[in-house]
Amino acid sequence: MEQTSQQQGYVYDTVALLRSDVVYLTPLRLNEYANKQRVVIPGFGKYPISDRMVYGPYDAVRIWATERFPRIEEHVRFIAKHDPGWGLHEERFLNYTIFPAIREVLHNDDAIFEHPQLCFLRARADESVWISDCTAGGPNGSLRSIAASVGNVTQKLEAILGRHCHGPPKRLTRSFLSVDCAKQ
């Protein structure tokens, strides 16, 4: 992206880092909630924050995308002192090391914004879909506004896929449910 930007003389205002293994239940609008001083992350899957996607100003998202390895030592020293035992836990790495750098480059203490409606579900190679990603409760769960915006997750998923999912949801862990959406 940087190379193309330089070659074409094009300046990116807003960029996104997205997963390719998901099904979006709600629209993703890059001009929604992001601005020149704020990045947007999901309001679900918070351990203690969500690492599943980001969009916002180029300079901020660039930190998320390219400065992880250079900041590992800084993070490990911080974690050893302030939250021992968590090592390179991804969400804590973002929360304690990458997010402060984003706040600094944007000159904004409130630079990280959790999207109040965005919902996407992880799709697996066996054509199952983890349906509890956006609706899990508790401190590591979702903003309540997300479940309200999605409604019945399985019905919405089936409408998007254009086919029915089969059987009752299967409990993968205490927090995660999966449905089989393979073509029959």
Protein backbone atom coordinates (compact mmCIF):
# COMPACT_ATOMS: atom_id res chain seq x y z
CA MET A 1 0.00 0.00 0.00
CA GLU A 2 2.79 2.41 0.88
CA GLN A 3 4.63 1.59 -2.33
CA THR A 4 1.51 2.14 -4.45
CA SER A 5 0.81 5.36 -2.60
CA GLN A 6 4.30 6.63 -3.38
CA GLN A 7 4.30 5.45 -7.00
CA GLN A 8 0.85 6.84 -7.78
CA GLY A 9 1.18 9.96 -5.66
CA TYR A 10 -2.01 8.98 -3.89
CA VAL A 11 -2.64 9.79 -0.23
CA TYR A 12 -4.85 7.39 1.70
CA ASP A 13 -7.08 9.10 4.24
CA THR A 14 -8.75 6.01 5.69
CA VAL A 15 -7.49 2.44 5.54
CA ALA A 16 -8.66 -0.85 7.01
CA LEU A 17 -7.09 -4.11 8.09
CA LEU A 18 -9.75 -6.79 7.76
CA ARG A 19 -9.97 -10.53 8.22
CA SER A 20 -10.81 -12.68 5.22
CA ASP A 21 -12.27 -15.55 7.25
CA VAL A 22 -15.42 -13.82 8.45
CA VAL A 23 -19.04 -13.23 7.51
CA TYR A 24 -20.24 -9.67 8.10
CA LEU A 25 -23.72 -9.50 9.65
CA THR A 26 -23.77 -5.72 9.61
CA PRO A 27 -22.45 -3.33 6.96
CA LEU A 28 -18.90 -2.07 7.23
CA ARG A 29 -18.74 1.61 6.33
CA LEU A 30 -15.25 3.05 6.56
CA ASN A 31 -16.58 6.58 6.85
CA GLU A 32 -18.66 5.62 9.88
CA TYR A 33 -17.19 6.65 13.25
CA ALA A 34 -13.60 6.98 12.00
CA ASN A 35 -12.18 10.42 11.50
CA LYS A 36 -8.75 12.02 11.32
CA GLN A 37 -8.24 11.53 15.05
CA ARG A 38 -9.91 8.18 15.72
CA VAL A 39 -9.58 4.53 14.72
CA VAL A 40 -12.43 2.06 15.00
CA ILE A 41 -12.24 -1.47 16.39
CA PRO A 42 -15.07 -3.96 17.03
CA GLY A 43 -17.08 -3.63 20.22
CA PHE A 44 -17.01 -7.42 20.73
CA GLY A 45 -14.39 -10.07 21.46
CA LYS A 46 -12.77 -7.88 24.07
CA TYR A 47 -9.89 -9.63 25.87
CA PRO A 48 -9.51 -6.80 27.06
CA ILE A 49 -9.96 -5.24 23.60
CA SER A 50 -10.72 -6.70 20.19
CA ASP A 51 -7.85 -7.38 17.82
CA ARG A 52 -10.04 -8.59 14.96
CA MET A 53 -9.94 -5.52 12.69
CA VAL A 54 -9.20 -1.83 12.61
CA TYR A 55 -9.96 1.08 10.32
CA GLY A 56 -9.17 4.75 10.47
CA PRO A 57 -6.48 7.28 9.58
CA TYR A 58 -3.59 5.93 7.55
CA ASP A 59 -0.86 6.92 10.04
CA ALA A 60 -2.66 5.22 12.93
CA VAL A 61 -3.52 1.99 11.11
CA ARG A 62 0.05 1.86 9.81
CA ILE A 63 1.25 1.54 13.43
CA TRP A 64 -1.13 -1.40 13.96
CA ALA A 65 0.10 -3.06 10.76
CA THR A 66 3.85 -2.42 10.77
CA GLU A 67 5.15 -1.61 14.23
CA ARG A 68 4.42 -4.78 16.16
CA PHE A 69 7.83 -6.42 15.87
CA PRO A 70 9.79 -3.24 16.61
CA ARG A 71 7.74 -2.76 19.79
CA ILE A 72 7.96 -6.30 21.21
CA GLU A 73 10.84 -5.62 23.61
CA GLU A 74 9.14 -2.49 24.93
CA HIS A 75 5.97 -4.50 25.51
CA VAL A 76 7.68 -7.44 27.23
CA ARG A 77 9.41 -5.07 29.67
CA PHE A 78 6.10 -3.33 30.39
CA ILE A 79 4.20 -6.61 30.88
CA ALA A 80 6.86 -8.09 33.16
CA LYS A 81 6.51 -5.08 35.42
CA HIS A 82 2.77 -4.32 35.25
CA ASP A 83 0.92 -7.52 34.27
CA PRO A 84 3.28 -10.48 34.69
CA GLY A 85 2.34 -13.80 33.18
CA TRP A 86 0.70 -12.47 30.03
CA GLY A 87 3.81 -12.28 27.82
CA LEU A 88 2.83 -11.61 24.22
CA HIS A 89 -0.93 -11.99 24.64
CA GLU A 90 -2.20 -10.29 21.45
CA GLU A 91 -5.00 -8.19 22.88
CA ARG A 92 -2.88 -6.98 25.79
CA PHE A 93 -0.04 -6.19 23.39
CA LEU A 94 -2.37 -3.96 21.41
CA ASN A 95 -3.92 -2.40 24.51
CA TYR A 96 -0.68 -1.66 26.36
CA THR A 97 1.75 -0.97 23.52
CA ILE A 98 0.15 -0.35 20.11
CA PHE A 99 -2.86 1.70 21.24
CA PRO A 100 -0.73 4.19 23.19
CA ALA A 101 1.38 4.70 20.05
CA ILE A 102 -1.79 5.28 18.01
CA ARG A 103 -3.07 7.76 20.59
CA GLU A 104 0.27 9.54 20.44
CA VAL A 105 0.40 9.83 16.64
CA LEU A 106 -3.20 11.10 16.58
CA HIS A 107 -2.68 13.42 19.57
CA ASN A 108 -5.90 12.07 21.06
CA ASP A 109 -6.42 10.17 24.32
CA ASP A 110 -9.80 8.99 22.96
CA ALA A 111 -8.39 7.75 19.64
CA ILE A 112 -9.65 4.17 20.00
CA PHE A 113 -13.39 3.81 19.38
CA GLU A 114 -15.42 0.60 19.75
CA HIS A 115 -18.01 0.31 16.98
CA PRO A 116 -21.46 0.03 18.62
CA GLN A 117 -23.15 -2.08 15.91
CA LEU A 118 -20.50 -3.82 13.81
CA CYS A 119 -20.76 -7.61 13.87
CA PHE A 120 -18.91 -10.28 11.96
CA LEU A 121 -18.56 -13.98 12.66
CA ARG A 122 -15.58 -16.26 12.15
CA ALA A 123 -16.14 -18.79 9.37
CA ARG A 124 -14.18 -22.03 9.42
CA ALA A 125 -12.82 -24.24 6.64
CA ASP A 126 -15.41 -26.94 7.48
CA GLU A 127 -18.14 -24.35 6.67
CA SER A 128 -19.11 -23.93 10.29
CA VAL A 129 -19.57 -20.43 11.67
CA TRP A 130 -18.95 -19.29 15.24
CA ILE A 131 -22.24 -17.57 16.00
CA SER A 132 -21.55 -16.21 19.48
CA ASP A 133 -18.74 -13.80 18.55
CA CYS A 134 -20.92 -10.68 18.67
CA THR A 135 -23.36 -11.63 21.38
CA ALA A 136 -21.27 -13.10 24.18
CA GLY A 137 -21.89 -11.26 27.43
CA GLY A 138 -19.70 -10.53 30.40
CA PRO A 139 -16.65 -8.31 30.74
CA ASN A 140 -14.98 -9.85 27.67
CA GLY A 141 -18.13 -9.85 25.63
CA SER A 142 -19.92 -7.41 23.42
CA LEU A 143 -21.41 -4.00 23.71
CA ARG A 144 -25.14 -4.51 24.30
CA SER A 145 -25.96 -2.36 21.29
CA ILE A 146 -24.43 -4.98 18.99
CA ALA A 147 -26.85 -7.77 19.90
CA ALA A 148 -29.72 -5.34 19.49
CA SER A 149 -28.55 -4.31 16.01
CA VAL A 150 -28.07 -7.89 14.82
CA GLY A 151 -31.21 -9.60 16.11
CA ASN A 152 -31.41 -13.37 15.58
CA VAL A 153 -27.86 -14.28 14.57
CA THR A 154 -28.64 -17.61 12.89
CA GLN A 155 -31.51 -16.19 10.85
CA LYS A 156 -29.40 -13.24 9.71
CA LEU A 157 -26.47 -15.55 8.87
CA GLU A 158 -28.72 -17.84 6.81
CA ALA A 159 -30.14 -14.85 4.92
CA ILE A 160 -26.64 -13.60 4.08
CA LEU A 161 -25.39 -17.05 3.04
CA GLY A 162 -28.55 -17.81 1.09
CA ARG A 163 -28.86 -21.25 2.67
CA HIS A 164 -29.86 -22.93 5.91
CA CYS A 165 -27.47 -23.92 8.64
CA HIS A 166 -28.00 -27.44 10.00
CA GLY A 167 -28.78 -28.76 13.45
CA PRO A 168 -28.68 -27.00 16.76
CA PRO A 169 -25.68 -24.84 17.69
CA LYS A 170 -22.73 -26.79 19.12
CA ARG A 171 -20.93 -25.52 22.20
CA LEU A 172 -17.22 -25.25 21.40
CA THR A 173 -16.19 -23.70 24.71
CA ARG A 174 -17.93 -21.98 27.57
CA SER A 175 -18.20 -18.85 25.43
CA PHE A 176 -18.38 -20.04 21.83
CA LEU A 177 -21.21 -21.61 19.84
CA SER A 178 -20.90 -22.90 16.29
CA VAL A 179 -23.40 -23.85 13.59
CA ASP A 180 -22.84 -26.06 10.55
CA CYS A 181 -23.59 -24.06 7.42
CA ALA A 182 -22.16 -26.48 4.85
CA LYS A 183 -24.01 -26.79 1.56
CA GLN A 184 -26.16 -29.92 1.46
